[in-house]
Protein backbone atom coordinates (compact mmCIF):
# COMPACT_ATOMS: atom_id res chain seq x y z
CA MET A 1 -43.47 -9.66 -21.37
CA ASP A 2 -40.98 -6.85 -20.89
CA ALA A 3 -41.93 -6.65 -17.22
CA VAL A 4 -41.17 -10.36 -16.85
CA THR A 5 -37.93 -10.43 -18.79
CA ALA A 6 -36.44 -7.28 -17.21
CA PRO A 7 -36.07 -8.74 -13.67
CA SER A 8 -34.85 -11.97 -15.22
CA ALA A 9 -32.16 -10.09 -17.16
CA TRP A 10 -31.06 -8.27 -14.01
CA ARG A 11 -30.92 -11.56 -12.11
CA GLY A 12 -28.77 -13.01 -14.88
CA ARG A 13 -26.38 -10.09 -14.75
CA PHE A 14 -26.17 -10.30 -10.96
CA ALA A 15 -25.45 -14.03 -11.19
CA ARG A 16 -22.63 -13.39 -13.68
CA VAL A 17 -21.11 -10.71 -11.43
CA LYS A 18 -21.45 -12.99 -8.40
CA SER A 19 -19.72 -15.86 -10.20
CA SER A 20 -16.89 -13.66 -11.53
CA ARG A 21 -13.49 -14.82 -10.26
CA LEU A 22 -12.28 -11.21 -10.18
CA VAL A 23 -15.21 -10.16 -7.98
CA ARG A 24 -14.78 -13.15 -5.63
CA GLN A 25 -11.07 -12.54 -5.24
CA ASN A 26 -11.68 -8.84 -4.63
CA ALA A 27 -14.29 -9.66 -1.99
CA ILE A 28 -11.90 -11.99 -0.14
CA LEU A 29 -8.97 -9.59 -0.16
CA PHE A 30 -11.24 -6.61 0.49
CA ALA A 31 -12.39 -8.26 3.74
CA GLY A 32 -8.77 -8.61 4.88
CA GLY A 33 -7.93 -5.12 3.72
CA LEU A 34 -10.96 -3.72 5.54
CA VAL A 35 -9.93 -5.36 8.82
CA SER A 36 -6.34 -4.25 8.23
CA GLY A 37 -7.44 -0.71 7.43
CA ILE A 38 -9.68 -0.46 10.48
CA GLY A 39 -6.84 -1.77 12.65
CA GLY A 40 -4.46 0.75 11.13
CA PHE A 41 -6.74 3.69 11.74
CA VAL A 42 -7.65 2.57 15.24
CA TYR A 43 -3.89 2.47 15.87
CA HIS A 44 -3.63 6.13 14.82
CA ALA A 45 -6.78 7.06 16.74
CA ILE A 46 -5.40 5.53 19.94
CA ALA A 47 -2.05 7.27 19.44
CA ALA A 48 -3.64 10.65 18.70
CA ARG A 49 -6.01 10.53 21.66
CA ALA A 50 -3.45 9.19 24.15
CA LEU A 51 -0.48 11.36 23.12
CA GLY A 52 -2.10 14.60 21.96
CA PRO A 53 -1.37 16.53 18.71
CA ALA A 54 2.30 17.34 19.46
CA LEU A 55 3.51 13.81 20.32
CA TYR A 56 1.18 12.31 17.72
CA GLY A 57 3.01 14.46 15.16
CA GLU A 58 6.13 12.44 16.04
CA VAL A 59 4.28 9.15 15.61
CA ALA A 60 2.75 10.25 12.28
CA SER A 61 6.12 11.34 10.87
CA LEU A 62 7.81 8.10 12.03
CA VAL A 63 5.02 6.00 10.51
CA ALA A 64 5.46 7.97 7.28
CA ILE A 65 9.18 7.10 7.28
CA TYR A 66 8.27 3.48 7.97
CA ALA A 67 5.81 3.51 5.07
CA ILE A 68 8.48 4.88 2.71
CA GLY A 69 10.87 2.21 4.01
CA THR A 70 8.26 -0.44 3.24
CA ALA A 71 8.56 0.60 -0.38
CA GLY A 72 11.32 -2.01 -0.44
CA ALA A 73 8.84 -4.57 0.86
CA PHE A 74 6.25 -3.67 -1.77
CA ILE A 75 8.90 -3.91 -4.48
CA ILE A 76 9.76 -7.41 -3.25
CA ILE A 77 6.06 -8.33 -3.18
CA LEU A 78 5.53 -7.14 -6.76
CA ILE A 79 8.59 -8.90 -8.12
CA LEU A 80 7.88 -12.20 -6.37
CA ALA A 81 4.14 -12.05 -7.10
CA ARG A 82 4.88 -11.67 -10.78
CA TYR A 83 7.39 -14.52 -10.90
CA ALA A 84 5.31 -16.81 -8.71
CA ALA A 85 2.40 -16.23 -11.10
CA GLN A 86 4.65 -17.03 -14.07
CA LEU A 87 6.06 -20.18 -12.42
CA THR A 88 2.51 -21.30 -11.62
CA LEU A 89 1.50 -20.89 -15.27
CA ASP A 90 4.58 -22.97 -16.21
CA GLY A 91 3.68 -25.67 -13.63
CA ASN A 92 7.02 -25.26 -11.84
CA ALA A 93 6.12 -25.90 -8.15
CA GLY A 94 9.75 -26.59 -7.21
CA GLY A 95 10.72 -23.25 -8.69
CA ILE A 96 8.35 -21.49 -6.28
CA ARG A 97 10.10 -23.15 -3.31
CA TYR A 98 13.43 -21.98 -4.72
CA LEU A 99 11.96 -18.49 -5.17
CA VAL A 100 11.04 -18.29 -1.46
CA THR A 101 14.28 -19.62 0.01
CA ARG A 102 16.66 -17.88 -2.37
CA SER A 103 14.92 -14.50 -2.00
CA SER A 104 15.02 -14.72 1.81
CA VAL A 105 18.76 -15.38 1.78
CA VAL A 106 19.51 -12.66 -0.78
CA LEU A 107 17.70 -10.09 1.38
CA VAL A 108 19.93 -10.59 4.43
CA PRO A 109 22.89 -8.34 3.31
CA PRO A 110 20.74 -5.34 2.26
CA THR A 111 18.76 -5.67 5.50
CA LEU A 112 21.97 -5.45 7.54
CA LEU A 113 23.11 -2.46 5.47
CA ALA A 114 19.79 -0.73 6.14
CA LEU A 115 20.22 -1.26 9.88
CA LEU A 116 23.74 0.18 9.67
CA ALA A 117 22.48 3.21 7.72
CA THR A 118 19.82 3.79 10.36
CA ALA A 119 22.46 3.81 13.10
CA ILE A 120 24.57 6.31 11.14
CA PHE A 121 21.77 8.73 10.25
CA ALA A 122 19.66 8.43 13.42
CA GLY A 123 21.07 11.68 14.86
CA PRO A 124 20.38 13.88 11.81
CA ALA A 125 16.92 12.29 11.42
CA ARG A 126 16.10 13.11 15.04
CA SER A 127 17.11 16.75 14.51
CA PHE A 128 15.20 17.11 11.22
CA LEU A 129 11.97 15.72 12.68
CA HIS A 130 12.42 17.31 16.12
CA LEU A 131 12.05 13.95 17.89
CA SER A 132 12.35 13.62 21.66
CA SER A 133 14.25 10.28 21.63
CA LEU A 134 16.27 7.90 19.42
CA ILE A 135 14.56 4.76 20.77
CA PRO A 136 11.55 4.98 18.40
CA LEU A 137 13.94 5.13 15.42
CA THR A 138 15.64 1.93 16.61
CA MET A 139 12.29 0.13 16.88
CA LEU A 140 11.38 1.41 13.44
CA ALA A 141 14.59 0.04 11.88
CA LEU A 142 13.96 -3.43 13.33
CA ALA A 143 10.38 -3.39 12.05
CA LEU A 144 11.60 -2.51 8.55
CA ALA A 145 14.10 -5.38 8.62
CA GLY A 146 11.28 -7.76 9.53
CA VAL A 147 8.79 -6.45 6.99
CA TRP A 148 11.24 -7.02 4.13
CA GLN A 149 11.41 -10.70 5.01
CA LEU A 150 7.63 -10.80 5.45
CA ALA A 151 7.34 -9.37 1.92
CA VAL A 152 8.81 -12.60 0.48
CA LEU A 153 5.94 -14.63 1.90
CA ARG A 154 3.29 -12.10 0.89
CA GLY A 155 4.60 -11.83 -2.66
CA VAL A 156 4.42 -15.59 -3.18
CA LEU A 157 0.94 -15.77 -1.63
CA GLN A 158 -0.24 -13.04 -4.01
CA GLY A 159 1.38 -14.63 -7.05
CA LEU A 160 -0.20 -18.00 -6.23
CA GLN A 161 -3.54 -16.16 -5.88
CA ARG A 162 -3.97 -17.53 -2.34
CA PHE A 163 -6.03 -14.53 -1.37
CA PRO A 164 -7.72 -16.01 1.76
CA GLN A 165 -4.32 -16.63 3.39
CA LEU A 166 -3.01 -13.25 2.23
CA SER A 167 -6.15 -11.56 3.54
CA LEU A 168 -5.65 -13.17 6.95
CA ASN A 169 -1.99 -12.15 6.97
CA LEU A 170 -2.76 -8.50 6.29
CA SER A 171 -5.50 -8.46 8.93
CA LEU A 172 -3.40 -10.16 11.58
CA GLU A 173 -0.53 -7.69 11.34
CA LEU A 174 -2.72 -4.67 12.01
CA ILE A 175 -4.82 -6.34 14.70
CA VAL A 176 -1.65 -7.21 16.63
CA ARG A 177 -0.25 -3.71 16.07
CA MET A 178 -3.43 -2.11 17.41
CA ALA A 179 -3.67 -4.42 20.44
CA THR A 180 0.01 -3.97 21.32
CA LEU A 181 -0.27 -0.18 21.13
CA LEU A 182 -3.22 -0.27 23.50
CA VAL A 183 -1.17 -2.28 26.00
CA MET A 184 1.81 0.07 25.61
CA VAL A 185 -0.34 3.14 26.21
CA LEU A 186 -1.87 1.59 29.33
CA LEU A 187 1.64 0.83 30.60
CA GLY A 188 2.66 4.47 30.09
CA TYR A 189 4.88 4.08 27.02
CA LYS A 190 4.52 6.78 24.39
CA VAL A 191 6.20 7.16 20.98
CA GLY A 192 8.57 4.22 21.62
CA GLY A 193 5.60 2.01 22.51
CA ALA A 194 3.87 2.99 19.28
CA MET A 195 6.90 1.83 17.27
CA LEU A 196 7.20 -1.40 19.29
CA ALA A 197 3.59 -2.15 18.33
CA ILE A 198 4.56 -2.01 14.65
CA LEU A 199 7.41 -4.47 15.26
CA ALA A 200 5.09 -6.89 17.08
CA GLY A 201 2.59 -6.89 14.20
CA VAL A 202 5.29 -7.73 11.66
CA GLY A 203 6.61 -10.61 13.79
CA VAL A 204 3.24 -12.32 14.22
CA ALA A 205 2.36 -11.88 10.53
CA TYR A 206 5.67 -13.49 9.51
CA VAL A 207 4.88 -16.61 11.53
CA GLN A 208 1.39 -16.89 10.00
CA GLY A 209 2.76 -16.37 6.46
CA GLY A 210 5.28 -19.18 6.94
CA VAL A 211 2.52 -21.53 8.10
CA ALA A 212 0.39 -20.60 5.07
CA LEU A 213 3.23 -21.64 2.72
CA LEU A 214 4.25 -24.88 4.48
CA ASP A 215 3.17 -26.98 1.47
CA VAL A 216 5.42 -24.89 -0.80
CA LEU A 217 8.34 -25.08 1.62
CA ARG A 218 8.02 -28.88 1.77
CA THR A 219 8.20 -29.21 -2.03
CA PRO A 220 11.67 -30.20 -3.37
CA ALA A 221 13.35 -27.08 -4.68
CA LYS A 222 14.05 -26.72 -8.40
CA ARG A 223 16.34 -23.98 -9.62
CA ALA A 224 14.51 -21.22 -11.48
CA PRO A 225 15.96 -18.44 -13.72
CA LEU A 226 15.71 -15.60 -11.19
CA ARG A 227 18.33 -13.34 -12.77
CA ALA A 228 15.66 -12.10 -15.18
CA MET A 229 14.06 -10.39 -12.18
CA ALA A 230 16.86 -7.80 -12.08
CA THR A 231 15.55 -5.71 -14.96
CA TYR A 232 11.96 -5.88 -13.81
CA SER A 233 12.98 -4.92 -10.26
CA LEU A 234 14.03 -1.46 -11.46
CA THR A 235 10.56 -0.76 -12.83
CA ALA A 236 8.92 -2.21 -9.71
CA ALA A 237 11.16 -0.09 -7.49
CA ALA A 238 10.33 3.11 -9.34
CA GLY A 239 6.58 2.47 -9.29
CA THR A 240 6.40 1.38 -5.67
CA LEU A 241 8.63 4.12 -4.30
CA GLY A 242 6.72 6.72 -6.30
CA VAL A 243 3.36 5.72 -4.82
CA MET A 244 4.84 5.57 -1.30
CA LEU A 245 6.28 9.07 -1.66
CA LEU A 246 2.95 10.45 -2.84
CA TYR A 247 1.24 9.77 0.47
CA ASN A 248 4.14 10.02 2.90
CA LEU A 249 6.51 12.74 1.73
CA ASP A 250 3.87 15.40 2.43
CA VAL A 251 3.65 14.27 6.09
CA ILE A 252 7.43 14.46 6.51
CA LEU A 253 7.60 17.91 4.89
CA ALA A 254 4.66 19.10 6.99
CA LYS A 255 6.46 17.95 10.15
CA HIS A 256 9.52 19.95 9.08
CA PHE A 257 7.80 23.16 7.94
CA LEU A 258 4.75 23.41 10.22
CA GLY A 259 4.61 23.85 13.97
CA PRO A 260 4.18 20.79 16.23
CA GLU A 261 0.38 21.03 16.53
CA ALA A 262 -0.21 21.95 12.89
CA ALA A 263 1.98 19.00 11.82
CA GLY A 264 -0.10 16.74 14.06
CA TYR A 265 -3.32 18.06 12.51
CA TYR A 266 -1.98 17.40 9.01
CA GLY A 267 -0.78 13.95 10.04
CA GLY A 268 -4.34 13.17 11.14
CA LEU A 269 -5.79 14.47 7.87
CA ASN A 270 -3.33 12.38 5.89
CA LYS A 271 -4.40 9.24 7.72
CA ILE A 272 -8.09 10.02 7.18
CA GLY A 273 -7.40 10.50 3.46
CA THR A 274 -5.59 7.19 3.19
CA ILE A 275 -8.69 5.40 4.51
CA LEU A 276 -9.86 5.29 0.90
CA TYR A 277 -6.45 4.15 -0.30
CA PHE A 278 -6.25 1.19 2.06
CA LEU A 279 -9.97 0.44 1.72
CA THR A 280 -9.51 -0.12 -2.03
CA LEU A 281 -5.94 -1.51 -1.99
CA SER A 282 -7.24 -5.06 -2.45
CA VAL A 283 -8.44 -4.13 -5.95
CA SER A 284 -4.87 -3.35 -7.05
CA GLN A 285 -3.51 -6.48 -5.34
CA VAL A 286 -5.97 -8.72 -7.19
CA LEU A 287 -5.45 -6.90 -10.48
CA PHE A 288 -1.67 -7.43 -10.61
CA PRO A 289 -1.43 -11.25 -11.04
CA ARG A 290 -4.66 -11.29 -13.05
CA VAL A 291 -3.21 -8.84 -15.60
CA VAL A 292 -0.06 -10.96 -15.98
CA GLU A 293 -2.31 -13.95 -16.68
CA ALA A 294 -4.63 -12.00 -19.00
CA VAL A 295 -1.87 -10.52 -21.17
CA ALA A 296 -0.01 -13.85 -21.38
CA THR A 297 -3.20 -15.57 -22.62
CA ASP A 298 -4.49 -12.57 -24.65
CA GLN A 299 -7.69 -12.23 -22.60
CA HIS A 300 -8.62 -8.52 -22.55
CA PRO A 301 -6.41 -6.92 -19.85
CA GLY A 302 -7.98 -3.54 -20.60
CA ARG A 303 -11.36 -4.87 -19.54
CA LEU A 304 -9.85 -6.06 -16.26
CA LEU A 305 -8.42 -2.59 -15.67
CA ALA A 306 -11.74 -0.88 -16.39
CA LEU A 307 -13.70 -3.26 -14.16
CA SER A 308 -11.16 -2.84 -11.35
CA ALA A 309 -11.35 0.95 -11.63
CA GLY A 310 -15.14 0.71 -11.46
CA ILE A 311 -15.01 -1.42 -8.31
CA MET A 312 -12.53 1.03 -6.79
CA CYS A 313 -14.70 4.06 -7.55
CA LEU A 314 -17.76 2.29 -6.16
CA LEU A 315 -16.00 1.50 -2.88
CA GLY A 316 -14.39 4.92 -2.62
CA GLY A 317 -17.56 6.79 -3.58
CA GLY A 318 -19.39 5.43 -0.55
CA SER A 319 -16.69 6.75 1.74
CA LEU A 320 -16.76 10.16 0.06
CA VAL A 321 -20.50 10.43 0.72
CA VAL A 322 -19.84 9.87 4.44
CA PHE A 323 -16.92 12.32 4.43
CA GLY A 324 -19.04 15.00 2.80
CA ALA A 325 -22.18 14.44 4.88
CA VAL A 326 -20.76 14.14 8.40
CA PRO A 327 -17.10 15.28 8.39
CA TRP A 328 -17.27 16.28 12.07
CA LEU A 329 -18.32 12.73 12.98
CA VAL A 330 -15.36 11.25 11.08
CA VAL A 331 -12.98 13.52 13.01
CA ARG A 332 -14.58 12.83 16.39
CA ILE A 333 -14.60 9.05 15.91
CA LEU A 334 -11.01 8.79 14.65
CA PHE A 335 -9.14 11.52 16.53
CA GLY A 336 -11.45 13.17 19.04
CA PRO A 337 -12.45 16.83 19.64
CA ALA A 338 -8.81 17.99 19.81
CA PHE A 339 -8.74 17.64 15.99
CA ASP A 340 -12.04 19.50 15.28
CA VAL A 341 -10.11 22.23 13.46
CA THR A 342 -9.47 19.76 10.59
CA THR A 343 -13.20 19.20 9.87
CA PRO A 344 -13.45 21.51 6.79
CA PHE A 345 -10.73 19.50 5.03
CA ILE A 346 -12.19 15.99 5.42
CA LEU A 347 -13.89 15.83 2.00
CA PRO A 348 -10.82 17.19 0.10
CA VAL A 349 -8.53 14.62 1.75
CA GLY A 350 -11.08 11.94 0.85
CA VAL A 351 -10.77 12.98 -2.81
CA ILE A 352 -6.99 12.82 -2.38
CA GLY A 353 -7.31 9.25 -1.07
CA LEU A 354 -9.44 8.11 -4.02
CA ALA A 355 -7.11 9.80 -6.52
CA LEU A 356 -4.15 8.07 -4.89
CA SER A 357 -5.96 4.72 -5.14
CA LEU A 358 -6.60 5.18 -8.86
CA VAL A 359 -2.97 6.28 -9.40
CA ASN A 360 -1.79 3.13 -7.64
CA LEU A 361 -4.15 0.96 -9.72
CA LEU A 362 -2.71 2.37 -12.95
CA VAL A 363 0.86 1.98 -11.68
CA GLN A 364 0.20 -1.67 -10.79
CA PHE A 365 -1.21 -2.22 -14.28
CA PHE A 366 1.81 -0.63 -15.96
CA MET A 367 4.22 -2.71 -13.89
CA ALA A 368 2.33 -5.93 -14.64
CA VAL A 369 2.65 -5.37 -18.41
CA HIS A 370 6.32 -4.27 -18.28
CA ASP A 371 5.61 -0.69 -19.31
CA ARG A 372 8.33 1.79 -18.37
CA TRP A 373 7.00 5.05 -19.79
CA PHE A 374 4.89 5.60 -16.69
CA VAL A 375 8.05 6.05 -14.58
CA PRO A 376 8.95 9.61 -15.69
CA ILE A 377 5.28 10.61 -15.41
CA LEU A 378 5.16 9.32 -11.82
CA ALA A 379 8.49 10.99 -10.99
CA VAL A 380 7.20 14.36 -12.21
CA GLY A 381 4.07 13.90 -10.08
CA CYS A 382 6.12 13.22 -6.93
CA ALA A 383 8.39 16.19 -7.64
CA LEU A 384 5.39 18.45 -8.24
CA GLU A 385 3.87 17.50 -4.89
CA ALA A 386 7.13 18.21 -3.04
CA VAL A 387 7.69 21.54 -4.81
CA LEU A 388 4.14 22.71 -4.11
CA VAL A 389 4.47 21.88 -0.39
CA VAL A 390 7.86 23.60 -0.12
CA MET A 391 6.50 26.72 -1.84
CA ASN A 392 3.10 26.84 -0.11
CA HIS A 393 3.02 25.71 3.53
CA ASP A 394 1.56 28.60 5.50
CA GLY A 395 -0.88 26.19 7.19
CA PHE A 396 -1.96 22.57 7.05
CA GLY A 397 -4.89 23.56 4.79
CA ASN A 398 -2.43 24.85 2.18
CA VAL A 399 -0.63 21.49 2.20
CA VAL A 400 -3.96 19.73 1.55
CA VAL A 401 -4.51 21.91 -1.53
CA ASP A 402 -0.95 21.27 -2.75
CA VAL A 403 -1.34 17.49 -2.58
CA LEU A 404 -4.80 17.54 -4.19
CA ILE A 405 -3.55 19.52 -7.20
CA ALA A 406 -0.51 17.26 -7.69
CA LEU A 407 -2.50 14.00 -7.49
CA VAL A 408 -5.31 15.06 -9.82
CA LEU A 409 -2.84 16.19 -12.49
CA LEU A 410 -0.85 12.96 -12.09
CA LEU A 411 -4.00 10.82 -12.40
CA ILE A 412 -4.96 12.55 -15.65
CA ALA A 413 -1.48 12.03 -17.12
CA LEU A 414 -1.37 8.32 -16.18
CA GLY A 415 -4.90 7.81 -17.51
CA VAL A 416 -3.85 9.17 -20.90
CA ARG A 417 -0.85 6.80 -20.90
CA ALA A 418 -3.13 3.82 -20.15
CA LEU A 419 -5.49 4.71 -23.02
CA LEU A 420 -2.55 4.77 -25.43
CA LEU A 421 -1.04 1.52 -24.12
CA VAL A 422 -4.00 -0.88 -23.82
CA PRO A 423 -4.63 -1.37 -27.58
CA ARG A 424 -0.97 -2.33 -28.10
CA LEU A 425 -0.67 -5.03 -25.42
CA ARG A 426 0.57 -8.42 -26.70
CA PRO A 427 1.46 -11.74 -24.92
CA GLU A 428 5.15 -11.41 -25.78
CA MET A 429 5.32 -8.23 -23.70
CA VAL A 430 5.15 -10.25 -20.46
CA ALA A 431 7.17 -13.26 -21.63
CA GLU A 432 10.28 -13.92 -19.57
CA PRO A 433 13.66 -14.66 -21.18
CA GLU A 434 14.89 -18.22 -20.86
CA ALA A 435 17.79 -18.91 -18.52
CA ALA A 436 21.16 -18.97 -20.19
């Protein structure tokens, strides 16, 4: 009897997992994130192979600056995802249309200011990073302006839980970026071509995102109380910028302190480590609107967090096995034999990537429930990483150790905060104030 019931019990559990909305949504967004991640790493592989370690160091540092600049985009996504989710729960479809159009207009002045700041500081930035030309910085500034507007569409798609369309949007951007870079390299363009590829990906993704929200844009607008977003935006800004700094500031500091080739080697290691981060990013994206919904309806947000962490560790663990078993193959496939010297550090940077993913998951959870105590913890973690790199940068291997220590300590501190917070979560914690 036990032999009969055991397989039946396992089948029942598998059926429940398969029918879980969280698992389905993760699978959909994971597919898009996987395509996006592969496209992103093929982009870096093409750049590294075509340009060599020294010029690739320029590309890696510029992409790191771009990633930090996209912190603004991720802040916009988080804010709009949260409010789109809340408006959906309230049945306010017209308010979502207002959210899209009003946010796009409000973003125009800061975008122009960012372009002006880029023009002013382009010279010092070129000197600090030892760049060969100002043209790549110009391309980068235009791409950042576009990605902030794209963030409006992505935030609403995420808040509405339209994960198939969001998955396609994420995939399309990186596929276009990769294909454009390949064309640029064949035409003989170098670092400037690599930055133009980023701009092309953003432009195509913006068009697709607008098409995906046509039904929302055709709905009559209804004014919504958006001023309440101001307070939440500070928390979202701190959390998003903190995570961005954790996996980009080290690349910028390495470019400054290390020699050209060593900086290129570290840039390659950083990108290999972030494979795990981008591979599991869909888990955090699904978790965010689901936690808002779960806390508002008192439906076990802690269980959602634990299940999401389990999915993330399962996905990341598979990659770590590959990194540990055949590190030389990972290096050869992604960057070629010129980067063989980085092989001993592949497994450690994989652990860094998984730790960063779990840090981001916890940060997303804290932001969804309006917690603010995580902000000083995250700030200390970012500062610790920077201080360790500044104090210990004799080689790119030392920088790997610095980042690993900082991220593991930060993950432990945020985990303790989550354990203290989950039992105290109540629906009123995510309730929005009524408009005056």
